[in-house]
Structure formats: C-alpha cells, structure tokens
C-alpha cells in the first residue's frame, strides 16, 4: 500500500473514531499491508500535514517499541 493511500485510510479512521485509537489497534488493522515502521511513518506524515491547518492531529506516544 502506498504511503498516501495508507495516510488517507488512517485519516478516515482517526477522524471518524469517537475515542483515541492505540497504535496497537491500528497496527492490528493494517498489519497485512504494512509493517510497524511504515505505519509510524504514515502517522508522523499525517501529523505534519496538519501542522498548518485549522484542525489539529497530535500523536501521543507513550511507548512504542518498533521491532
């Protein structure tokens, strides 16, 4: 899956969710199409996309072990 396609799907899930979503839950959902590094990269890219927007997307990383 391309990074832009992954970002679009992540964006849809994140903004339609009623509650925060854990990295683990997202990875479980996307594990068949990307690895943990690709998922983290797409999330960081998505966060950067919203830096100069009227909407805010903030990643809260308590502890993520990428291996």
Protein backbone atom coordinates (compact mmCIF):
# COMPACT_ATOMS: atom_id res chain seq x y z
CA UNK A 1 0.00 0.00 0.00
CA UNK A 2 1.36 3.42 -0.87
CA UNK A 3 2.09 5.92 1.89
CA UNK A 4 -0.57 8.32 0.60
CA UNK A 5 -3.20 5.57 0.48
CA UNK A 6 -2.26 4.47 4.00
CA UNK A 7 -2.45 8.09 5.21
CA UNK A 8 -5.91 8.50 3.67
CA UNK A 9 -7.21 5.39 5.39
CA UNK A 10 -5.62 6.39 8.71
CA UNK A 11 -7.11 9.86 8.46
CA UNK A 12 -10.58 8.41 7.88
CA UNK A 13 -10.31 6.06 10.84
CA UNK A 14 -8.84 8.65 13.21
CA UNK A 15 -11.34 11.41 12.48
CA UNK A 16 -14.37 9.11 12.48
CA UNK A 17 -13.47 7.47 15.77
CA UNK A 18 -15.29 8.55 18.92
CA UNK A 19 -12.28 7.71 21.11
CA UNK A 20 -8.49 7.76 20.79
CA UNK A 21 -7.07 4.80 18.89
CA UNK A 22 -3.97 2.97 20.05
CA UNK A 23 -1.05 2.26 17.77
CA UNK A 24 -1.52 -1.42 18.53
CA UNK A 25 -5.13 -1.32 17.31
CA UNK A 26 -4.13 0.49 14.14
CA UNK A 27 -1.31 -1.95 13.51
CA UNK A 28 -3.59 -4.93 14.05
CA UNK A 29 -5.91 -3.48 11.42
CA UNK A 30 -3.15 -2.66 8.90
CA UNK A 31 -0.67 -5.48 9.64
CA UNK A 32 -1.47 -7.24 6.38
CA UNK A 33 -0.49 -4.19 4.27
CA UNK A 34 2.37 -2.51 6.16
CA UNK A 35 4.93 -3.01 8.90
CA UNK A 36 5.22 -1.01 12.13
CA UNK A 37 7.83 1.38 10.71
CA UNK A 38 5.65 2.18 7.69
CA UNK A 39 2.62 2.75 9.91
CA UNK A 40 4.56 5.06 12.24
CA UNK A 41 5.96 6.96 9.27
CA UNK A 42 2.47 7.44 7.79
CA UNK A 43 1.14 8.66 11.16
CA UNK A 44 4.00 11.14 11.50
CA UNK A 45 3.47 12.35 7.94
CA UNK A 46 -0.22 12.81 8.64
CA UNK A 47 0.56 14.77 11.80
CA UNK A 48 2.92 17.01 9.79
CA UNK A 49 0.20 17.57 7.18
CA UNK A 50 -1.99 19.12 9.89
CA UNK A 51 0.64 21.44 11.38
CA UNK A 52 -0.61 24.47 9.44
CA UNK A 53 -4.27 23.54 9.43
CA UNK A 54 -7.23 24.74 11.45
CA UNK A 55 -7.65 21.11 12.56
CA UNK A 56 -5.19 19.51 14.93
CA UNK A 57 -3.86 15.99 14.89
CA UNK A 58 -1.47 15.12 17.68
CA UNK A 59 0.23 11.79 18.16
CA UNK A 60 0.51 10.82 21.78
CA UNK A 61 3.20 8.21 22.06
CA UNK A 62 3.53 6.74 25.50
CA UNK A 63 5.72 3.83 24.49
CA UNK A 64 6.07 2.22 21.10
CA UNK A 65 8.66 -0.44 20.54
CA UNK A 66 9.22 -0.83 16.84
CA UNK A 67 10.87 -4.14 16.07
